[in-house]
Amino acid sequence: MVIAETSRLTLRYVVIDDAHALEKVFGDPEVMRFSEKGARSAAWVRGWLGLCLEHHYPTWGHGPYSLVEKRSGEIIG
């Protein structure tokens, strides 16, 4: 589900196909250095995505979003 768009960017719900890009983010020790538990495994990311898709969005109507660059289709945030 798209939340907002600009000419260059799309803000949308996370989807299971975002797993690979999010594994790079959550698995990076530098990015996660201020997280209580540090870098996360690929299995953790997939479980977290499942929780978002099965619980957060249906229950609360919102959750984490992916910021996608339209030109490349890459998740940038």
PDB file of N, CA and C in Angstrom:
ATOM      1  N   MET A   1       0.848  -1.174   0.000  1.00  0.00           N
ATOM      2  CA  MET A   1       0.000   0.000   0.000  1.00  0.00           C
ATOM      3  C   MET A   1       0.897   1.242   0.000  1.00  0.00           C
ATOM      4  N   VAL A   2       0.647   2.126  -0.903  1.00  0.00           N
ATOM      5  CA  VAL A   2       1.398   3.376  -1.004  1.00  0.00           C
ATOM      6  C   VAL A   2       0.831   4.374   0.002  1.00  0.00           C
ATOM      7  N   ILE A   3       1.716   4.990   0.765  1.00  0.00           N
ATOM      8  CA  ILE A   3       1.330   5.976   1.769  1.00  0.00           C
ATOM      9  C   ILE A   3       1.451   7.386   1.208  1.00  0.00           C
ATOM     10  N   ALA A   4       2.553   7.646   0.505  1.00  0.00           N
ATOM     11  CA  ALA A   4       2.799   8.973  -0.071  1.00  0.00           C
ATOM     12  C   ALA A   4       3.763   8.823  -1.242  1.00  0.00           C
ATOM     13  N   GLU A   5       3.698   9.791  -2.164  1.00  0.00           N
ATOM     14  CA  GLU A   5       4.596   9.801  -3.317  1.00  0.00           C
ATOM     15  C   GLU A   5       5.047  11.220  -3.614  1.00  0.00           C
ATOM     16  N   THR A   6       6.258  11.294  -4.129  1.00  0.00           N
ATOM     17  CA  THR A   6       6.750  12.530  -4.722  1.00  0.00           C
ATOM     18  C   THR A   6       7.165  12.170  -6.144  1.00  0.00           C
ATOM     19  N   SER A   7       7.723  13.099  -6.855  1.00  0.00           N
ATOM     20  CA  SER A   7       8.163  12.792  -8.214  1.00  0.00           C
ATOM     21  C   SER A   7       9.310  11.780  -8.225  1.00  0.00           C
ATOM     22  N   ARG A   8      10.065  11.710  -7.126  1.00  0.00           N
ATOM     23  CA  ARG A   8      11.229  10.814  -7.065  1.00  0.00           C
ATOM     24  C   ARG A   8      11.070   9.619  -6.135  1.00  0.00           C
ATOM     25  N   LEU A   9      10.160   9.699  -5.156  1.00  0.00           N
ATOM     26  CA  LEU A   9      10.109   8.700  -4.097  1.00  0.00           C
ATOM     27  C   LEU A   9       8.706   8.161  -3.857  1.00  0.00           C
ATOM     28  N   THR A  10       8.659   6.925  -3.343  1.00  0.00           N
ATOM     29  CA  THR A  10       7.407   6.323  -2.904  1.00  0.00           C
ATOM     30  C   THR A  10       7.599   5.823  -1.482  1.00  0.00           C
ATOM     31  N   LEU A  11       6.681   6.167  -0.594  1.00  0.00           N
ATOM     32  CA  LEU A  11       6.648   5.643   0.764  1.00  0.00           C
ATOM     33  C   LEU A  11       5.524   4.626   0.806  1.00  0.00           C
ATOM     34  N   ARG A  12       5.870   3.386   1.170  1.00  0.00           N
ATOM     35  CA  ARG A  12       4.862   2.323   1.125  1.00  0.00           C
ATOM     36  C   ARG A  12       5.086   1.328   2.257  1.00  0.00           C
ATOM     37  N   TYR A  13       4.078   0.483   2.479  1.00  0.00           N
ATOM     38  CA  TYR A  13       4.218  -0.599   3.445  1.00  0.00           C
ATOM     39  C   TYR A  13       5.394  -1.486   3.037  1.00  0.00           C
ATOM     40  N   VAL A  14       6.042  -2.103   4.019  1.00  0.00           N
ATOM     41  CA  VAL A  14       7.052  -3.108   3.692  1.00  0.00           C
ATOM     42  C   VAL A  14       6.346  -4.321   3.111  1.00  0.00           C
ATOM     43  N   VAL A  15       7.040  -5.035   2.252  1.00  0.00           N
ATOM     44  CA  VAL A  15       6.530  -6.282   1.672  1.00  0.00           C
ATOM     45  C   VAL A  15       7.620  -7.343   1.814  1.00  0.00           C
ATOM     46  N   ILE A  16       7.238  -8.595   1.701  1.00  0.00           N
ATOM     47  CA  ILE A  16       8.179  -9.691   1.902  1.00  0.00           C
ATOM     48  C   ILE A  16       9.366  -9.600   0.949  1.00  0.00           C
ATOM     49  N   ASP A  17       9.159  -9.046  -0.239  1.00  0.00           N
ATOM     50  CA  ASP A  17      10.259  -8.902  -1.201  1.00  0.00           C
ATOM     51  C   ASP A  17      11.303  -7.867  -0.764  1.00  0.00           C
ATOM     52  N   ASP A  18      11.022  -7.123   0.298  1.00  0.00           N
ATOM     53  CA  ASP A  18      11.987  -6.158   0.834  1.00  0.00           C
ATOM     54  C   ASP A  18      13.035  -6.842   1.717  1.00  0.00           C
ATOM     55  N   ALA A  19      12.873  -8.128   1.967  1.00  0.00           N
ATOM     56  CA  ALA A  19      13.734  -8.838   2.922  1.00  0.00           C
ATOM     57  C   ALA A  19      15.218  -8.655   2.620  1.00  0.00           C
ATOM     58  N   HIS A  20      15.621  -8.833   1.389  1.00  0.00           N
ATOM     59  CA  HIS A  20      17.045  -8.761   1.056  1.00  0.00           C
ATOM     60  C   HIS A  20      17.618  -7.379   1.373  1.00  0.00           C
ATOM     61  N   ALA A  21      16.920  -6.327   0.981  1.00  0.00           N
ATOM     62  CA  ALA A  21      17.393  -4.968   1.251  1.00  0.00           C
ATOM     63  C   ALA A  21      17.420  -4.693   2.754  1.00  0.00           C
ATOM     64  N   LEU A  22      16.414  -5.161   3.473  1.00  0.00           N
ATOM     65  CA  LEU A  22      16.360  -4.918   4.910  1.00  0.00           C
ATOM     66  C   LEU A  22      17.390  -5.746   5.670  1.00  0.00           C
ATOM     67  N   GLU A  23      17.741  -6.903   5.132  1.00  0.00           N
ATOM     68  CA  GLU A  23      18.808  -7.708   5.744  1.00  0.00           C
ATOM     69  C   GLU A  23      20.129  -6.938   5.728  1.00  0.00           C
ATOM     70  N   LYS A  24      20.357  -6.190   4.670  1.00  0.00           N
ATOM     71  CA  LYS A  24      21.575  -5.374   4.590  1.00  0.00           C
ATOM     72  C   LYS A  24      21.576  -4.288   5.661  1.00  0.00           C
ATOM     73  N   VAL A  25      20.427  -3.689   5.902  1.00  0.00           N
ATOM     74  CA  VAL A  25      20.329  -2.626   6.902  1.00  0.00           C
ATOM     75  C   VAL A  25      20.441  -3.209   8.312  1.00  0.00           C
ATOM     76  N   PHE A  26      19.541  -4.133   8.650  1.00  0.00           N
ATOM     77  CA  PHE A  26      19.505  -4.684   9.998  1.00  0.00           C
ATOM     78  C   PHE A  26      20.722  -5.551  10.316  1.00  0.00           C
ATOM     79  N   GLY A  27      21.397  -6.056   9.299  1.00  0.00           N
ATOM     80  CA  GLY A  27      22.572  -6.890   9.504  1.00  0.00           C
ATOM     81  C   GLY A  27      23.878  -6.122   9.580  1.00  0.00           C
ATOM     82  N   ASP A  28      23.839  -4.826   9.369  1.00  0.00           N
ATOM     83  CA  ASP A  28      25.044  -3.990   9.364  1.00  0.00           C
ATOM     84  C   ASP A  28      25.357  -3.514  10.787  1.00  0.00           C
ATOM     85  N   PRO A  29      26.488  -3.959  11.359  1.00  0.00           N
ATOM     86  CA  PRO A  29      26.823  -3.558  12.732  1.00  0.00           C
ATOM     87  C   PRO A  29      26.934  -2.043  12.917  1.00  0.00           C
ATOM     88  N   GLU A  30      27.407  -1.329  11.910  1.00  0.00           N
ATOM     89  CA  GLU A  30      27.525   0.127  12.029  1.00  0.00           C
ATOM     90  C   GLU A  30      26.149   0.785  12.092  1.00  0.00           C
ATOM     91  N   VAL A  31      25.236   0.328  11.248  1.00  0.00           N
ATOM     92  CA  VAL A  31      23.880   0.887  11.248  1.00  0.00           C
ATOM     93  C   VAL A  31      23.186   0.581  12.571  1.00  0.00           C
ATOM     94  N   MET A  32      23.407  -0.611  13.091  1.00  0.00           N
ATOM     95  CA  MET A  32      22.696  -1.078  14.284  1.00  0.00           C
ATOM     96  C   MET A  32      23.469  -0.859  15.581  1.00  0.00           C
ATOM     97  N   ARG A  33      24.510  -0.068  15.550  1.00  0.00           N
ATOM     98  CA  ARG A  33      25.367   0.081  16.727  1.00  0.00           C
ATOM     99  C   ARG A  33      24.651   0.650  17.946  1.00  0.00           C
ATOM    100  N   PHE A  34      23.589   1.405  17.762  1.00  0.00           N
ATOM    101  CA  PHE A  34      22.857   1.957  18.902  1.00  0.00           C
ATOM    102  C   PHE A  34      21.625   1.125  19.271  1.00  0.00           C
ATOM    103  N   SER A  35      21.417   0.053  18.562  1.00  0.00           N
ATOM    104  CA  SER A  35      20.326  -0.861  18.893  1.00  0.00           C
ATOM    105  C   SER A  35      20.737  -1.684  20.106  1.00  0.00           C
ATOM    106  N   GLU A  36      19.804  -2.001  20.958  1.00  0.00           N
ATOM    107  CA  GLU A  36      20.109  -2.784  22.157  1.00  0.00           C
ATOM    108  C   GLU A  36      20.759  -4.121  21.833  1.00  0.00           C
ATOM    109  N   LYS A  37      20.352  -4.749  20.756  1.00  0.00           N
ATOM    110  CA  LYS A  37      20.839  -6.089  20.430  1.00  0.00           C
ATOM    111  C   LYS A  37      21.782  -6.130  19.240  1.00  0.00           C
ATOM    112  N   GLY A  38      22.108  -4.973  18.674  1.00  0.00           N
ATOM    113  CA  GLY A  38      23.065  -4.931  17.576  1.00  0.00           C
ATOM    114  C   GLY A  38      22.502  -5.485  16.275  1.00  0.00           C
ATOM    115  N   ALA A  39      23.424  -5.894  15.403  1.00  0.00           N
ATOM    116  CA  ALA A  39      23.046  -6.400  14.078  1.00  0.00           C
ATOM    117  C   ALA A  39      22.151  -7.627  14.214  1.00  0.00           C
ATOM    118  N   ARG A  40      21.252  -7.785  13.271  1.00  0.00           N
ATOM    119  CA  ARG A  40      20.277  -8.877  13.294  1.00  0.00           C
ATOM    120  C   ARG A  40      20.524  -9.844  12.154  1.00  0.00           C
ATOM    121  N   SER A  41      20.077 -11.068  12.343  1.00  0.00           N
ATOM    122  CA  SER A  41      20.247 -12.125  11.343  1.00  0.00           C
ATOM    123  C   SER A  41      19.166 -12.019  10.270  1.00  0.00           C
ATOM    124  N   ALA A  42      19.405 -12.713   9.158  1.00  0.00           N
ATOM    125  CA  ALA A  42      18.408 -12.773   8.077  1.00  0.00           C
ATOM    126  C   ALA A  42      17.118 -13.405   8.584  1.00  0.00           C
ATOM    127  N   ALA A  43      17.236 -14.412   9.436  1.00  0.00           N
ATOM    128  CA  ALA A  43      16.040 -15.070   9.995  1.00  0.00           C
ATOM    129  C   ALA A  43      15.236 -14.085  10.844  1.00  0.00           C
ATOM    130  N   TRP A  44      15.917 -13.249  11.607  1.00  0.00           N
ATOM    131  CA  TRP A  44      15.223 -12.255  12.418  1.00  0.00           C
ATOM    132  C   TRP A  44      14.467 -11.272  11.516  1.00  0.00           C
ATOM    133  N   VAL A  45      15.117 -10.824  10.453  1.00  0.00           N
ATOM    134  CA  VAL A  45      14.482  -9.867   9.533  1.00  0.00           C
ATOM    135  C   VAL A  45      13.220 -10.479   8.934  1.00  0.00           C
ATOM    136  N   ARG A  46      13.277 -11.722   8.513  1.00  0.00           N
ATOM    137  CA  ARG A  46      12.101 -12.371   7.921  1.00  0.00           C
ATOM    138  C   ARG A  46      10.985 -12.520   8.947  1.00  0.00           C
ATOM    139  N   GLY A  47      11.342 -12.841  10.185  1.00  0.00           N
ATOM    140  CA  GLY A  47      10.338 -12.924  11.246  1.00  0.00           C
ATOM    141  C   GLY A  47       9.711 -11.580  11.537  1.00  0.00           C
ATOM    142  N   TRP A  48      10.536 -10.541  11.548  1.00  0.00           N
ATOM    143  CA  TRP A  48      10.046  -9.183  11.780  1.00  0.00           C
ATOM    144  C   TRP A  48       9.101  -8.745  10.661  1.00  0.00           C
ATOM    145  N   LEU A  49       9.477  -9.051   9.413  1.00  0.00           N
ATOM    146  CA  LEU A  49       8.597  -8.729   8.286  1.00  0.00           C
ATOM    147  C   LEU A  49       7.260  -9.438   8.425  1.00  0.00           C
ATOM    148  N   GLY A  50       7.312 -10.707   8.793  1.00  0.00           N
ATOM    149  CA  GLY A  50       6.072 -11.463   8.999  1.00  0.00           C
ATOM    150  C   GLY A  50       5.195 -10.827  10.062  1.00  0.00           C
ATOM    151  N   LEU A  51       5.798 -10.389  11.159  1.00  0.00           N
ATOM    152  CA  LEU A  51       5.057  -9.723  12.226  1.00  0.00           C
ATOM    153  C   LEU A  51       4.406  -8.438  11.721  1.00  0.00           C
ATOM    154  N   CYS A  52       5.154  -7.663  10.947  1.00  0.00           N
ATOM    155  CA  CYS A  52       4.598  -6.422  10.383  1.00  0.00           C
ATOM    156  C   CYS A  52       3.393  -6.717   9.499  1.00  0.00           C
ATOM    157  N   LEU A  53       3.555  -7.692   8.615  1.00  0.00           N
ATOM    158  CA  LEU A  53       2.506  -7.995   7.641  1.00  0.00           C
ATOM    159  C   LEU A  53       1.291  -8.661   8.268  1.00  0.00           C
ATOM    160  N   GLU A  54       1.510  -9.514   9.252  1.00  0.00           N
ATOM    161  CA  GLU A  54       0.412 -10.285   9.834  1.00  0.00           C
ATOM    162  C   GLU A  54      -0.217  -9.622  11.052  1.00  0.00           C
ATOM    163  N   HIS A  55       0.512  -8.738  11.706  1.00  0.00           N
ATOM    164  CA  HIS A  55      -0.020  -8.147  12.937  1.00  0.00           C
ATOM    165  C   HIS A  55      -0.106  -6.617  12.914  1.00  0.00           C
ATOM    166  N   HIS A  56       1.016  -5.950  12.679  1.00  0.00           N
ATOM    167  CA  HIS A  56       1.031  -4.482  12.805  1.00  0.00           C
ATOM    168  C   HIS A  56       0.035  -3.797  11.868  1.00  0.00           C
ATOM    169  N   TYR A  57       0.123  -4.084  10.592  1.00  0.00           N
ATOM    170  CA  TYR A  57      -0.762  -3.399   9.641  1.00  0.00           C
ATOM    171  C   TYR A  57      -2.236  -3.746   9.879  1.00  0.00           C
ATOM    172  N   PRO A  58      -2.577  -5.044   9.999  1.00  0.00           N
ATOM    173  CA  PRO A  58      -3.995  -5.356  10.216  1.00  0.00           C
ATOM    174  C   PRO A  58      -4.541  -4.852  11.562  1.00  0.00           C
ATOM    175  N   THR A  59      -3.720  -4.895  12.604  1.00  0.00           N
ATOM    176  CA  THR A  59      -4.190  -4.524  13.935  1.00  0.00           C
ATOM    177  C   THR A  59      -4.238  -3.017  14.132  1.00  0.00           C
ATOM    178  N   TRP A  60      -3.166  -2.343  13.762  1.00  0.00           N
ATOM    179  CA  TRP A  60      -3.054  -0.917  14.048  1.00  0.00           C
ATOM    180  C   TRP A  60      -3.278  -0.029  12.831  1.00  0.00           C
ATOM    181  N   GLY A  61      -3.230  -0.595  11.646  1.00  0.00           N
ATOM    182  CA  GLY A  61      -3.422   0.198  10.436  1.00  0.00           C
ATOM    183  C   GLY A  61      -2.179   0.953  10.001  1.00  0.00           C
ATOM    184  N   HIS A  62      -1.070   0.692  10.668  1.00  0.00           N
ATOM    185  CA  HIS A  62       0.197   1.319  10.294  1.00  0.00           C
ATOM    186  C   HIS A  62       1.330   0.441  10.796  1.00  0.00           C
ATOM    187  N   GLY A  63       2.527   0.787  10.394  1.00  0.00           N
ATOM    188  CA  GLY A  63       3.717   0.043  10.797  1.00  0.00           C
ATOM    189  C   GLY A  63       4.918   0.624  10.085  1.00  0.00           C
ATOM    190  N   PRO A  64       5.996  -0.122  10.004  1.00  0.00           N
ATOM    191  CA  PRO A  64       7.170   0.369   9.297  1.00  0.00           C
ATOM    192  C   PRO A  64       6.887   0.541   7.796  1.00  0.00           C
ATOM    193  N   TYR A  65       7.563   1.483   7.204  1.00  0.00           N
ATOM    194  CA  TYR A  65       7.409   1.748   5.779  1.00  0.00           C
ATOM    195  C   TYR A  65       8.752   1.639   5.071  1.00  0.00           C
ATOM    196  N   SER A  66       8.699   1.379   3.791  1.00  0.00           N
ATOM    197  CA  SER A  66       9.887   1.395   2.941  1.00  0.00           C
ATOM    198  C   SER A  66       9.841   2.658   2.098  1.00  0.00           C
ATOM    199  N   LEU A  67      10.991   3.306   1.984  1.00  0.00           N
ATOM    200  CA  LEU A  67      11.130   4.471   1.122  1.00  0.00           C
ATOM    201  C   LEU A  67      11.857   4.011  -0.135  1.00  0.00           C
ATOM    202  N   VAL A  68      11.182   4.105  -1.270  1.00  0.00           N
ATOM    203  CA  VAL A  68      11.689   3.544  -2.515  1.00  0.00           C
ATOM    204  C   VAL A  68      11.971   4.663  -3.516  1.00  0.00           C
ATOM    205  N   GLU A  69      13.179   4.609  -4.085  1.00  0.00           N
ATOM    206  CA  GLU A  69      13.515   5.538  -5.152  1.00  0.00           C
ATOM    207  C   GLU A  69      12.853   5.031  -6.438  1.00  0.00           C
ATOM    208  N   LYS A  70      12.025   5.840  -7.037  1.00  0.00           N
ATOM    209  CA  LYS A  70      11.264   5.396  -8.215  1.00  0.00           C
ATOM    210  C   LYS A  70      12.165   5.013  -9.398  1.00  0.00           C
ATOM    211  N   ARG A  71      13.175   5.818  -9.662  1.00  0.00           N
ATOM    212  CA  ARG A  71      14.025   5.587 -10.837  1.00  0.00           C
ATOM    213  C   ARG A  71      14.683   4.206 -10.803  1.00  0.00           C
ATOM    214  N   SER A  72      15.244   3.843  -9.642  1.00  0.00           N
ATOM    215  CA  SER A  72      15.972   2.575  -9.538  1.00  0.00           C
ATOM    216  C   SER A  72      15.134   1.447  -8.964  1.00  0.00           C
ATOM    217  N   GLY A  73      14.067   1.793  -8.262  1.00  0.00           N
ATOM    218  CA  GLY A  73      13.271   0.777  -7.577  1.00  0.00           C
ATOM    219  C   GLY A  73      13.910   0.282  -6.284  1.00  0.00           C
ATOM    220  N   GLU A  74      15.012   0.928  -5.877  1.00  0.00           N
ATOM    221  CA  GLU A  74      15.734   0.501  -4.675  1.00  0.00           C
ATOM    222  C   GLU A  74      15.158   1.111  -3.413  1.00  0.00           C
ATOM    223  N   ILE A  75      15.207   0.331  -2.327  1.00  0.00           N
ATOM    224  CA  ILE A  75      14.832   0.837  -1.027  1.00  0.00           C
ATOM    225  C   ILE A  75      15.998   1.672  -0.522  1.00  0.00           C
ATOM    226  N   ILE A  76      15.696   2.915  -0.150  1.00  0.00           N
ATOM    227  CA  ILE A  76      16.751   3.799   0.330  1.00  0.00           C
ATOM    228  C   ILE A  76      16.521   4.225   1.774  1.00  0.00           C
ATOM    229  N   GLY A  77      15.467   3.743   2.349  1.00  0.00           N
ATOM    230  CA  GLY A  77      15.197   4.079   3.753  1.00  0.00           C
ATOM    231  C   GLY A  77      13.970   3.381   4.253  1.00  0.00           C
TER     232      GLY A  77
END
